[in-house]
């Protein structure tokens, strides 16, 4: 098992936790998707999932800021994340953003083109219409009602395939009962930040190579979200699209070859 080192970036406007592992020369920053509870307690499991990347990369996983004002937006998340990356002394990074993390990655690459050398966008969306927000609106309502078990069950059913939930669904419901009111409020702020968000024009300002990975059975943003992003980028030879089928929105967790796709893409475009 590789060593996981945890830390915190403190700035005037935010406090942000992170962890890193690996011994490679290249920095890879992972911006995870939305979650009720911090990803930091799961650092060991995440390190295990990305272990095959540790020889080539030092992998940084950056959480959201701890305390969020109610009107915190995706743009604020991106600026705080970019600031944290720079404070960590990272340059010319590879970046992988999953789900809401992909939205943050889009804005980071568009606003700080010299920072990102190559990027993978996983199961994300650049245009949250009211129809696309319906799934997240259910999450918001359950969190507001403080029904952690129902929230985790609904969240799991929306992002994972049925076989995964048959195996882990009960454990997820139990975990949901442990969520605090503070964590629920944090989650609600993250969810609401997505409503009405449109980043399509930001895609025109991305200059680094991009691999867009989506899922034909994405029950959160729908099967068209990833192709829409690629359509905006497809005139460039350094942009690619790949769609999974059968692994759900969270194919970045469930597809067995997902990390190999990241490695192959970064090997070509960040060497």
C-alpha atoms as a PDB file:
ATOM      1  CA  UNK A   1       0.000   0.000   0.000  1.00  0.00           C
ATOM      2  CA  UNK A   2       1.347   3.416  -0.966  1.00  0.00           C
ATOM      3  CA  UNK A   3       1.782   6.138   1.602  1.00  0.00           C
ATOM      4  CA  UNK A   4      -1.004   8.719   1.779  1.00  0.00           C
ATOM      5  CA  UNK A   5      -0.100  12.172   3.065  1.00  0.00           C
ATOM      6  CA  UNK A   6      -2.880  14.514   4.173  1.00  0.00           C
ATOM      7  CA  UNK A   7      -2.784  18.274   4.403  1.00  0.00           C
ATOM      8  CA  UNK A   8      -4.790  21.474   4.448  1.00  0.00           C
ATOM      9  CA  UNK A   9      -4.509  24.644   2.404  1.00  0.00           C
ATOM     10  CA  UNK A  10      -5.501  27.739   4.379  1.00  0.00           C
ATOM     11  CA  UNK A  11      -6.282  31.044   2.705  1.00  0.00           C
ATOM     12  CA  UNK A  12      -8.185  34.152   3.722  1.00  0.00           C
ATOM     13  CA  UNK A  13     -11.381  33.004   2.015  1.00  0.00           C
ATOM     14  CA  UNK A  14     -11.236  29.218   2.407  1.00  0.00           C
ATOM     15  CA  UNK A  15      -9.811  26.192   4.189  1.00  0.00           C
ATOM     16  CA  UNK A  16      -9.423  23.197   1.888  1.00  0.00           C
ATOM     17  CA  UNK A  17      -8.307  19.659   2.714  1.00  0.00           C
ATOM     18  CA  UNK A  18      -6.345  17.452   0.346  1.00  0.00           C
ATOM     19  CA  UNK A  19      -4.209  14.343   0.274  1.00  0.00           C
ATOM     20  CA  UNK A  20      -1.609  12.942  -2.070  1.00  0.00           C
ATOM     21  CA  UNK A  21       0.188   9.715  -2.868  1.00  0.00           C
ATOM     22  CA  UNK A  22       2.544   8.322  -5.487  1.00  0.00           C
ATOM     23  CA  UNK A  23       6.172   8.958  -6.417  1.00  0.00           C
ATOM     24  CA  UNK A  24       5.970  10.029 -10.054  1.00  0.00           C
ATOM     25  CA  UNK A  25       7.429  13.269 -11.364  1.00  0.00           C
ATOM     26  CA  UNK A  26       4.209  14.415 -13.007  1.00  0.00           C
ATOM     27  CA  UNK A  27       1.512  16.015 -10.836  1.00  0.00           C
ATOM     28  CA  UNK A  28      -2.022  14.713 -11.350  1.00  0.00           C
ATOM     29  CA  UNK A  29      -4.813  16.610  -9.629  1.00  0.00           C
ATOM     30  CA  UNK A  30      -8.126  14.803  -9.105  1.00  0.00           C
ATOM     31  CA  UNK A  31     -11.211  16.885  -8.385  1.00  0.00           C
ATOM     32  CA  UNK A  32     -13.856  14.442  -7.174  1.00  0.00           C
ATOM     33  CA  UNK A  33     -17.569  14.648  -7.706  1.00  0.00           C
ATOM     34  CA  UNK A  34     -20.121  16.005  -5.290  1.00  0.00           C
ATOM     35  CA  UNK A  35     -20.523  14.154  -2.005  1.00  0.00           C
ATOM     36  CA  UNK A  36     -22.230  14.583   1.344  1.00  0.00           C
ATOM     37  CA  UNK A  37     -19.171  13.735   3.388  1.00  0.00           C
ATOM     38  CA  UNK A  38     -15.556  14.667   2.785  1.00  0.00           C
ATOM     39  CA  UNK A  39     -13.505  12.375   0.546  1.00  0.00           C
ATOM     40  CA  UNK A  40     -10.498  12.627   2.880  1.00  0.00           C
ATOM     41  CA  UNK A  41     -11.564   9.744   5.185  1.00  0.00           C
ATOM     42  CA  UNK A  42     -11.676   7.567   2.050  1.00  0.00           C
ATOM     43  CA  UNK A  43      -8.078   8.423   1.129  1.00  0.00           C
ATOM     44  CA  UNK A  44      -6.872   4.839   1.550  1.00  0.00           C
ATOM     45  CA  UNK A  45      -9.522   3.419  -0.765  1.00  0.00           C
ATOM     46  CA  UNK A  46      -8.851   6.125  -3.364  1.00  0.00           C
ATOM     47  CA  UNK A  47      -5.109   5.469  -3.241  1.00  0.00           C
ATOM     48  CA  UNK A  48      -5.774   1.771  -3.831  1.00  0.00           C
ATOM     49  CA  UNK A  49      -8.035   2.556  -6.801  1.00  0.00           C
ATOM     50  CA  UNK A  50      -5.356   4.711  -8.457  1.00  0.00           C
ATOM     51  CA  UNK A  51      -2.322   2.682  -7.426  1.00  0.00           C
ATOM     52  CA  UNK A  52      -1.384   1.802 -11.000  1.00  0.00           C
ATOM     53  CA  UNK A  53      -0.745   5.515 -11.627  1.00  0.00           C
ATOM     54  CA  UNK A  54       1.670   6.026  -8.733  1.00  0.00           C
ATOM     55  CA  UNK A  55       4.909   5.252 -10.573  1.00  0.00           C
ATOM     56  CA  UNK A  56       4.323   7.944 -13.158  1.00  0.00           C
ATOM     57  CA  UNK A  57       2.378  10.495 -11.091  1.00  0.00           C
ATOM     58  CA  UNK A  58       2.149  12.097  -7.719  1.00  0.00           C
ATOM     59  CA  UNK A  59      -1.613  12.162  -7.327  1.00  0.00           C
ATOM     60  CA  UNK A  60      -3.320  14.989  -5.434  1.00  0.00           C
ATOM     61  CA  UNK A  61      -6.989  14.707  -4.470  1.00  0.00           C
ATOM     62  CA  UNK A  62      -8.446  18.088  -3.531  1.00  0.00           C
ATOM     63  CA  UNK A  63     -11.675  18.340  -1.560  1.00  0.00           C
ATOM     64  CA  UNK A  64     -14.116  21.264  -1.567  1.00  0.00           C
ATOM     65  CA  UNK A  65     -13.624  24.129   0.880  1.00  0.00           C
ATOM     66  CA  UNK A  66     -14.841  23.307   4.370  1.00  0.00           C
ATOM     67  CA  UNK A  67     -17.134  26.271   5.024  1.00  0.00           C
ATOM     68  CA  UNK A  68     -19.233  27.594   2.154  1.00  0.00           C
ATOM     69  CA  UNK A  69     -21.390  30.704   1.969  1.00  0.00           C
ATOM     70  CA  UNK A  70     -24.950  29.903   0.814  1.00  0.00           C
ATOM     71  CA  UNK A  71     -24.393  31.628  -2.545  1.00  0.00           C
ATOM     72  CA  UNK A  72     -21.164  29.739  -3.343  1.00  0.00           C
ATOM     73  CA  UNK A  73     -20.977  29.006  -7.087  1.00  0.00           C
ATOM     74  CA  UNK A  74     -19.086  26.641  -9.367  1.00  0.00           C
ATOM     75  CA  UNK A  75     -16.964  29.631 -10.385  1.00  0.00           C
ATOM     76  CA  UNK A  76     -15.993  30.127  -6.726  1.00  0.00           C
ATOM     77  CA  UNK A  77     -15.090  26.454  -6.407  1.00  0.00           C
ATOM     78  CA  UNK A  78     -12.861  26.700  -9.471  1.00  0.00           C
ATOM     79  CA  UNK A  79     -11.062  29.845  -8.311  1.00  0.00           C
ATOM     80  CA  UNK A  80     -10.473  28.418  -4.836  1.00  0.00           C
ATOM     81  CA  UNK A  81      -9.277  25.117  -6.289  1.00  0.00           C
ATOM     82  CA  UNK A  82      -6.889  26.840  -8.706  1.00  0.00           C
ATOM     83  CA  UNK A  83      -5.566  28.983  -5.871  1.00  0.00           C
ATOM     84  CA  UNK A  84      -5.010  25.891  -3.720  1.00  0.00           C
ATOM     85  CA  UNK A  85      -3.172  24.134  -6.570  1.00  0.00           C
ATOM     86  CA  UNK A  86      -0.861  27.119  -6.976  1.00  0.00           C
ATOM     87  CA  UNK A  87      -0.275  27.360  -3.222  1.00  0.00           C
ATOM     88  CA  UNK A  88       0.789  23.702  -3.296  1.00  0.00           C
ATOM     89  CA  UNK A  89       3.432  24.704  -5.838  1.00  0.00           C
ATOM     90  CA  UNK A  90       2.036  22.537  -8.621  1.00  0.00           C
ATOM     91  CA  UNK A  91       2.627  23.510 -12.249  1.00  0.00           C
ATOM     92  CA  UNK A  92       1.732  22.082 -15.656  1.00  0.00           C
ATOM     93  CA  UNK A  93      -0.602  19.588 -14.039  1.00  0.00           C
ATOM     94  CA  UNK A  94      -2.648  16.785 -15.452  1.00  0.00           C
ATOM     95  CA  UNK A  95      -6.197  17.185 -14.206  1.00  0.00           C
ATOM     96  CA  UNK A  96      -9.062  14.730 -13.842  1.00  0.00           C
ATOM     97  CA  UNK A  97     -12.449  16.123 -12.870  1.00  0.00           C
ATOM     98  CA  UNK A  98     -15.339  13.745 -12.142  1.00  0.00           C
ATOM     99  CA  UNK A  99     -18.978  14.883 -12.322  1.00  0.00           C
ATOM    100  CA  UNK A 100     -19.145  18.259 -10.518  1.00  0.00           C
ATOM    101  CA  UNK A 101     -15.359  18.049 -10.350  1.00  0.00           C
ATOM    102  CA  UNK A 102     -15.401  18.125 -14.149  1.00  0.00           C
ATOM    103  CA  UNK A 103     -17.261  21.431 -14.086  1.00  0.00           C
ATOM    104  CA  UNK A 104     -14.594  22.822 -11.782  1.00  0.00           C
ATOM    105  CA  UNK A 105     -11.922  21.439 -14.110  1.00  0.00           C
ATOM    106  CA  UNK A 106     -13.499  23.126 -17.155  1.00  0.00           C
ATOM    107  CA  UNK A 107     -13.432  26.511 -15.451  1.00  0.00           C
ATOM    108  CA  UNK A 108      -9.929  25.985 -14.089  1.00  0.00           C
ATOM    109  CA  UNK A 109      -8.500  25.076 -17.492  1.00  0.00           C
ATOM    110  CA  UNK A 110     -10.353  27.933 -19.196  1.00  0.00           C
ATOM    111  CA  UNK A 111      -9.321  30.587 -16.668  1.00  0.00           C
ATOM    112  CA  UNK A 112      -5.781  29.328 -15.997  1.00  0.00           C
ATOM    113  CA  UNK A 113      -4.594  27.873 -19.322  1.00  0.00           C
ATOM    114  CA  UNK A 114      -0.958  27.766 -18.267  1.00  0.00           C
ATOM    115  CA  UNK A 115      -1.734  25.622 -15.251  1.00  0.00           C
ATOM    116  CA  UNK A 116      -3.318  22.578 -16.942  1.00  0.00           C
ATOM    117  CA  UNK A 117      -1.224  20.495 -19.339  1.00  0.00           C
ATOM    118  CA  UNK A 118      -3.857  17.854 -20.153  1.00  0.00           C
ATOM    119  CA  UNK A 119      -7.315  17.139 -18.797  1.00  0.00           C
ATOM    120  CA  UNK A 120      -9.843  14.327 -18.520  1.00  0.00           C
ATOM    121  CA  UNK A 121     -13.505  15.192 -17.958  1.00  0.00           C
ATOM    122  CA  UNK A 122     -15.463  12.283 -16.500  1.00  0.00           C
ATOM    123  CA  UNK A 123     -19.280  12.060 -16.454  1.00  0.00           C
ATOM    124  CA  UNK A 124     -19.671  15.805 -16.325  1.00  0.00           C
ATOM    125  CA  UNK A 125     -21.933  18.393 -17.921  1.00  0.00           C
ATOM    126  CA  UNK A 126     -21.381  21.914 -19.229  1.00  0.00           C
ATOM    127  CA  UNK A 127     -25.035  22.964 -19.358  1.00  0.00           C
ATOM    128  CA  UNK A 128     -27.298  22.212 -16.391  1.00  0.00           C
ATOM    129  CA  UNK A 129     -30.778  22.757 -17.789  1.00  0.00           C
ATOM    130  CA  UNK A 130     -33.832  22.562 -15.526  1.00  0.00           C
ATOM    131  CA  UNK A 131     -34.487  19.070 -16.886  1.00  0.00           C
ATOM    132  CA  UNK A 132     -30.974  17.951 -15.988  1.00  0.00           C
ATOM    133  CA  UNK A 133     -31.273  19.509 -12.557  1.00  0.00           C
ATOM    134  CA  UNK A 134     -34.294  17.348 -11.666  1.00  0.00           C
ATOM    135  CA  UNK A 135     -32.147  14.503 -10.343  1.00  0.00           C
ATOM    136  CA  UNK A 136     -30.032  16.827  -8.225  1.00  0.00           C
ATOM    137  CA  UNK A 137     -33.187  18.562  -7.018  1.00  0.00           C
ATOM    138  CA  UNK A 138     -34.292  15.268  -5.450  1.00  0.00           C
ATOM    139  CA  UNK A 139     -30.971  15.054  -3.638  1.00  0.00           C
ATOM    140  CA  UNK A 140     -31.378  18.615  -2.419  1.00  0.00           C
ATOM    141  CA  UNK A 141     -34.873  17.901  -1.061  1.00  0.00           C
ATOM    142  CA  UNK A 142     -33.776  14.776   0.808  1.00  0.00           C
ATOM    143  CA  UNK A 143     -30.811  16.607   2.319  1.00  0.00           C
ATOM    144  CA  UNK A 144     -33.062  19.489   3.369  1.00  0.00           C
ATOM    145  CA  UNK A 145     -35.385  16.952   5.002  1.00  0.00           C
ATOM    146  CA  UNK A 146     -32.403  15.429   6.848  1.00  0.00           C
ATOM    147  CA  UNK A 147     -33.212  11.946   5.530  1.00  0.00           C
ATOM    148  CA  UNK A 148     -29.671  10.677   5.202  1.00  0.00           C
ATOM    149  CA  UNK A 149     -30.555   7.039   4.558  1.00  0.00           C
ATOM    150  CA  UNK A 150     -32.961   7.925   1.739  1.00  0.00           C
ATOM    151  CA  UNK A 151     -30.482  10.430   0.323  1.00  0.00           C
ATOM    152  CA  UNK A 152     -27.668   7.912   0.129  1.00  0.00           C
ATOM    153  CA  UNK A 153     -29.947   5.254  -1.338  1.00  0.00           C
ATOM    154  CA  UNK A 154     -31.338   7.640  -3.966  1.00  0.00           C
ATOM    155  CA  UNK A 155     -27.902   9.071  -4.723  1.00  0.00           C
ATOM    156  CA  UNK A 156     -26.485   5.564  -5.106  1.00  0.00           C
ATOM    157  CA  UNK A 157     -29.299   4.406  -7.383  1.00  0.00           C
ATOM    158  CA  UNK A 158     -28.783   7.485  -9.569  1.00  0.00           C
ATOM    159  CA  UNK A 159     -25.018   7.179 -10.028  1.00  0.00           C
ATOM    160  CA  UNK A 160     -24.301   3.433  -9.793  1.00  0.00           C
ATOM    161  CA  UNK A 161     -25.531   0.453 -11.840  1.00  0.00           C
ATOM    162  CA  UNK A 162     -28.021  -1.961 -10.183  1.00  0.00           C
ATOM    163  CA  UNK A 163     -25.416  -4.668  -9.547  1.00  0.00           C
ATOM    164  CA  UNK A 164     -23.330  -2.236  -7.500  1.00  0.00           C
ATOM    165  CA  UNK A 165     -26.299  -1.190  -5.371  1.00  0.00           C
ATOM    166  CA  UNK A 166     -27.323  -4.802  -4.782  1.00  0.00           C
ATOM    167  CA  UNK A 167     -23.898  -5.333  -3.246  1.00  0.00           C
ATOM    168  CA  UNK A 168     -23.326  -2.039  -1.434  1.00  0.00           C
ATOM    169  CA  UNK A 169     -26.752  -0.380  -1.131  1.00  0.00           C
ATOM    170  CA  UNK A 170     -27.399  -1.353   2.489  1.00  0.00           C
ATOM    171  CA  UNK A 171     -23.971  -0.116   3.574  1.00  0.00           C
ATOM    172  CA  UNK A 172     -24.596   3.188   1.818  1.00  0.00           C
ATOM    173  CA  UNK A 173     -27.921   3.636   3.643  1.00  0.00           C
ATOM    174  CA  UNK A 174     -26.202   2.980   6.986  1.00  0.00           C
ATOM    175  CA  UNK A 175     -23.514   5.514   6.104  1.00  0.00           C
ATOM    176  CA  UNK A 176     -26.220   8.037   5.298  1.00  0.00           C
ATOM    177  CA  UNK A 177     -27.586   7.830   8.833  1.00  0.00           C
ATOM    178  CA  UNK A 178     -24.241   9.164  10.092  1.00  0.00           C
ATOM    179  CA  UNK A 179     -24.328  12.360   8.034  1.00  0.00           C
ATOM    180  CA  UNK A 180     -24.455  15.486  10.200  1.00  0.00           C
ATOM    181  CA  UNK A 181     -26.630  18.546   9.683  1.00  0.00           C
ATOM    182  CA  UNK A 182     -23.521  20.545   8.826  1.00  0.00           C
ATOM    183  CA  UNK A 183     -22.602  18.021   6.130  1.00  0.00           C
ATOM    184  CA  UNK A 184     -26.142  18.115   4.752  1.00  0.00           C
ATOM    185  CA  UNK A 185     -26.056  21.915   4.517  1.00  0.00           C
ATOM    186  CA  UNK A 186     -22.633  21.764   2.823  1.00  0.00           C
ATOM    187  CA  UNK A 187     -24.039  19.260   0.313  1.00  0.00           C
ATOM    188  CA  UNK A 188     -27.092  21.432  -0.389  1.00  0.00           C
ATOM    189  CA  UNK A 189     -24.845  24.398  -1.193  1.00  0.00           C
ATOM    190  CA  UNK A 190     -22.798  22.264  -3.602  1.00  0.00           C
ATOM    191  CA  UNK A 191     -25.920  20.983  -5.333  1.00  0.00           C
ATOM    192  CA  UNK A 192     -27.537  24.414  -5.666  1.00  0.00           C
ATOM    193  CA  UNK A 193     -24.357  25.782  -7.219  1.00  0.00           C
ATOM    194  CA  UNK A 194     -25.082  23.669 -10.298  1.00  0.00           C
ATOM    195  CA  UNK A 195     -28.558  25.030 -10.985  1.00  0.00           C
ATOM    196  CA  UNK A 196     -28.720  26.996 -14.237  1.00  0.00           C
ATOM    197  CA  UNK A 197     -24.970  26.680 -14.794  1.00  0.00           C
ATOM    198  CA  UNK A 198     -23.815  26.956 -18.417  1.00  0.00           C
ATOM    199  CA  UNK A 199     -20.122  26.547 -19.200  1.00  0.00           C
ATOM    200  CA  UNK A 200     -20.378  25.904 -22.942  1.00  0.00           C
ATOM    201  CA  UNK A 201     -18.621  29.148 -23.870  1.00  0.00           C
ATOM    202  CA  UNK A 202     -15.819  28.321 -21.417  1.00  0.00           C
ATOM    203  CA  UNK A 203     -14.960  25.287 -23.536  1.00  0.00           C
ATOM    204  CA  UNK A 204     -13.828  27.658 -26.294  1.00  0.00           C
ATOM    205  CA  UNK A 205     -11.063  28.935 -23.996  1.00  0.00           C
ATOM    206  CA  UNK A 206      -9.543  25.555 -23.165  1.00  0.00           C
ATOM    207  CA  UNK A 207      -6.214  25.085 -24.931  1.00  0.00           C
ATOM    208  CA  UNK A 208      -4.965  21.827 -23.410  1.00  0.00           C
ATOM    209  CA  UNK A 209      -5.728  18.326 -24.762  1.00  0.00           C
ATOM    210  CA  UNK A 210      -9.006  16.926 -23.417  1.00  0.00           C
ATOM    211  CA  UNK A 211     -10.391  13.419 -23.074  1.00  0.00           C
ATOM    212  CA  UNK A 212     -14.155  13.444 -22.460  1.00  0.00           C
ATOM    213  CA  UNK A 213     -15.488  10.244 -20.902  1.00  0.00           C
ATOM    214  CA  UNK A 214     -19.213   9.740 -20.458  1.00  0.00           C
ATOM    215  CA  UNK A 215     -21.796   7.010 -20.000  1.00  0.00           C
ATOM    216  CA  UNK A 216     -24.635   6.013 -22.287  1.00  0.00           C
ATOM    217  CA  UNK A 217     -26.591   5.069 -19.163  1.00  0.00           C
ATOM    218  CA  UNK A 218     -25.826   8.252 -17.202  1.00  0.00           C
ATOM    219  CA  UNK A 219     -28.971   8.756 -15.109  1.00  0.00           C
ATOM    220  CA  UNK A 220     -27.798  12.101 -13.678  1.00  0.00           C
ATOM    221  CA  UNK A 221     -26.951  14.292 -16.677  1.00  0.00           C
ATOM    222  CA  UNK A 222     -28.181  11.994 -19.431  1.00  0.00           C
ATOM    223  CA  UNK A 223     -26.292  10.295 -22.279  1.00  0.00           C
ATOM    224  CA  UNK A 224     -25.899  13.523 -24.289  1.00  0.00           C
ATOM    225  CA  UNK A 225     -23.876  15.525 -21.744  1.00  0.00           C
ATOM    226  CA  UNK A 226     -20.421  14.207 -22.698  1.00  0.00           C
ATOM    227  CA  UNK A 227     -21.067  14.306 -26.484  1.00  0.00           C
ATOM    228  CA  UNK A 228     -22.209  17.930 -26.144  1.00  0.00           C
ATOM    229  CA  UNK A 229     -18.865  18.852 -24.596  1.00  0.00           C
ATOM    230  CA  UNK A 230     -16.940  16.958 -27.254  1.00  0.00           C
ATOM    231  CA  UNK A 231     -19.001  18.539 -30.025  1.00  0.00           C
ATOM    232  CA  UNK A 232     -17.723  21.919 -28.884  1.00  0.00           C
ATOM    233  CA  UNK A 233     -14.130  20.636 -28.857  1.00  0.00           C
ATOM    234  CA  UNK A 234     -14.101  18.132 -31.722  1.00  0.00           C
ATOM    235  CA  UNK A 235     -12.437  20.375 -34.285  1.00  0.00           C
ATOM    236  CA  UNK A 236      -9.191  19.809 -32.402  1.00  0.00           C
ATOM    237  CA  UNK A 237      -7.035  16.766 -32.999  1.00  0.00           C
ATOM    238  CA  UNK A 238      -5.977  16.588 -29.339  1.00  0.00           C
ATOM    239  CA  UNK A 239      -9.508  15.999 -28.013  1.00  0.00           C
ATOM    240  CA  UNK A 240     -11.169  12.591 -27.687  1.00  0.00           C
ATOM    241  CA  UNK A 241     -14.503  11.119 -26.618  1.00  0.00           C
ATOM    242  CA  UNK A 242     -15.247   7.734 -25.088  1.00  0.00           C
ATOM    243  CA  UNK A 243     -18.625   6.476 -23.869  1.00  0.00           C
ATOM    244  CA  UNK A 244     -19.167   3.559 -21.482  1.00  0.00           C
ATOM    245  CA  UNK A 245     -22.357   1.519 -21.358  1.00  0.00           C
ATOM    246  CA  UNK A 246     -23.476  -0.452 -18.328  1.00  0.00           C
ATOM    247  CA  UNK A 247     -21.362   1.244 -15.665  1.00  0.00           C
ATOM    248  CA  UNK A 248     -23.594   4.213 -14.807  1.00  0.00           C
ATOM    249  CA  UNK A 249     -22.782   7.834 -14.083  1.00  0.00           C
ATOM    250  CA  UNK A 250     -20.014   6.770 -11.710  1.00  0.00           C
ATOM    251  CA  UNK A 251     -18.178   4.758 -14.364  1.00  0.00           C
ATOM    252  CA  UNK A 252     -15.013   6.434 -13.032  1.00  0.00           C
ATOM    253  CA  UNK A 253     -15.488   4.142  -9.998  1.00  0.00           C
ATOM    254  CA  UNK A 254     -17.073   1.090 -11.626  1.00  0.00           C
ATOM    255  CA  UNK A 255     -15.432   0.574 -15.048  1.00  0.00           C
ATOM    256  CA  UNK A 256     -12.389  -1.686 -14.580  1.00  0.00           C
ATOM    257  CA  UNK A 257     -10.317  -0.084 -17.351  1.00  0.00           C
ATOM    258  CA  UNK A 258     -11.039   3.554 -16.469  1.00  0.00           C
ATOM    259  CA  UNK A 259      -7.662   4.342 -14.889  1.00  0.00           C
ATOM    260  CA  UNK A 260      -5.854   2.727 -17.819  1.00  0.00           C
ATOM    261  CA  UNK A 261      -7.654   5.147 -20.147  1.00  0.00           C
ATOM    262  CA  UNK A 262      -6.434   8.045 -18.045  1.00  0.00           C
ATOM    263  CA  UNK A 263      -2.896   6.701 -18.100  1.00  0.00           C
ATOM    264  CA  UNK A 264      -2.860   6.201 -21.872  1.00  0.00           C
ATOM    265  CA  UNK A 265      -4.223   9.683 -22.542  1.00  0.00           C
ATOM    266  CA  UNK A 266      -1.845  11.444 -20.186  1.00  0.00           C
ATOM    267  CA  UNK A 267       1.093   9.380 -21.490  1.00  0.00           C
ATOM    268  CA  UNK A 268       0.480  10.760 -24.986  1.00  0.00           C
ATOM    269  CA  UNK A 269      -0.380  14.342 -24.110  1.00  0.00           C
ATOM    270  CA  UNK A 270       1.633  15.085 -20.972  1.00  0.00           C
ATOM    271  CA  UNK A 271       4.941  13.356 -21.584  1.00  0.00           C
END
